[in-house]
Amino acid sequence: MARRVIVHLLNEDPVVAELERLPEPGDTNIVVLDPRRQDGKPIHYLSDSATTVMFPMHRVSSIELFAEEMAVEEEVRIYREDEGISSR
């Protein structure tokens, strides 16, 4: 499942994209899908038809992950406690 990330590149504007998997410590490149600027516009140094881009890791300063996409949905149940009050 792809997750939305913001990739911060050295000396470039941040890139919003989809990431299939987090990079491993030994990876030299990062592959992102559907790259775009934060305002949704195309990136000026990519062709308009580019859907997948590989950035070298030495150009990546950081990758932002979003908590709401990483959180696992939990089932919440509310139980009504019986107060145990009886009429005597």
Protein backbone atom coordinates (compact mmCIF):
# COMPACT_ATOMS: atom_id res chain seq x y z
CA MET A 1 0.00 0.00 0.00
CA ALA A 2 1.46 3.33 -1.03
CA ARG A 3 1.57 6.14 1.51
CA ARG A 4 1.69 9.85 0.89
CA VAL A 5 5.01 11.48 1.80
CA ILE A 6 6.84 14.76 1.36
CA VAL A 7 10.38 14.29 0.09
CA HIS A 8 12.75 17.17 0.88
CA LEU A 9 15.54 17.38 -1.69
CA LEU A 10 18.68 19.47 -1.33
CA ASN A 11 18.30 22.91 -2.97
CA GLU A 12 14.82 22.08 -4.38
CA ASP A 13 11.22 22.59 -3.35
CA PRO A 14 9.64 19.68 -1.44
CA VAL A 15 8.02 16.96 -3.53
CA VAL A 16 4.70 15.37 -2.54
CA ALA A 17 4.49 11.80 -3.78
CA GLU A 18 3.37 8.26 -3.03
CA LEU A 19 5.92 5.84 -1.60
CA GLU A 20 5.49 2.06 -1.94
CA ARG A 21 7.97 1.19 0.81
CA LEU A 22 10.23 3.03 3.19
CA PRO A 23 13.88 3.11 2.16
CA GLU A 24 16.21 0.61 3.80
CA PRO A 25 19.54 1.75 5.32
CA GLY A 26 21.50 0.36 2.34
CA ASP A 27 19.31 1.87 -0.40
CA THR A 28 21.01 4.30 -2.77
CA ASN A 29 17.81 5.49 -4.47
CA ILE A 30 14.21 6.20 -3.56
CA VAL A 31 11.38 5.50 -6.00
CA VAL A 32 8.30 7.73 -5.75
CA LEU A 33 5.02 7.64 -7.65
CA ASP A 34 2.94 10.59 -8.87
CA PRO A 35 5.41 13.35 -7.91
CA ARG A 36 4.04 16.91 -7.63
CA ARG A 37 4.64 20.16 -5.77
CA GLN A 38 2.87 20.82 -2.49
CA ASP A 39 0.32 23.00 -4.29
CA GLY A 40 -0.47 20.11 -6.67
CA LYS A 41 1.26 21.66 -9.69
CA PRO A 42 3.76 19.70 -11.80
CA ILE A 43 7.45 19.83 -10.98
CA HIS A 44 9.29 22.08 -13.44
CA TYR A 45 12.29 19.78 -13.96
CA LEU A 46 10.18 16.69 -14.75
CA SER A 47 8.22 16.02 -17.91
CA ASP A 48 4.45 16.34 -17.55
CA SER A 49 3.94 12.64 -18.28
CA ALA A 50 6.33 11.38 -15.56
CA THR A 51 4.50 9.12 -13.11
CA THR A 52 7.47 7.42 -11.41
CA VAL A 53 10.74 9.09 -10.41
CA MET A 54 13.91 7.74 -8.84
CA PHE A 55 15.87 10.18 -6.66
CA PRO A 56 19.37 9.39 -5.39
CA MET A 57 19.43 9.20 -1.60
CA HIS A 58 22.39 11.59 -1.35
CA ARG A 59 20.02 14.33 -2.64
CA VAL A 60 17.29 13.55 -0.08
CA SER A 61 17.59 15.54 3.14
CA SER A 62 14.45 14.13 4.80
CA ILE A 63 11.17 12.31 4.17
CA GLU A 64 8.00 13.35 5.99
CA LEU A 65 5.55 10.60 6.91
CA PHE A 66 2.06 11.35 8.13
CA ALA A 67 0.74 9.89 11.38
CA GLU A 68 -2.84 9.49 10.16
CA GLU A 69 -1.67 7.21 7.37
CA MET A 70 0.63 5.22 9.63
CA ALA A 71 -1.89 4.74 12.42
CA VAL A 72 -3.63 1.43 12.64
CA GLU A 73 -7.34 1.78 13.12
CA GLU A 74 -8.44 0.45 16.45
CA GLU A 75 -11.86 -0.83 17.28
CA VAL A 76 -13.36 1.12 20.14
CA ARG A 77 -16.09 -0.44 22.21
CA ILE A 78 -17.96 1.27 25.00
CA TYR A 79 -19.38 -0.96 27.68
CA ARG A 80 -22.09 0.10 30.03
CA GLU A 81 -21.27 -0.90 33.53
CA ASP A 82 -24.07 -2.41 35.54
CA GLU A 83 -24.16 -0.46 38.76
CA GLY A 84 -25.55 -3.44 40.63
CA ILE A 85 -28.16 -1.39 42.47
CA SER A 86 -31.12 -3.47 43.42
CA SER A 87 -34.24 -2.57 45.36
CA ARG A 88 -34.54 -4.40 48.63
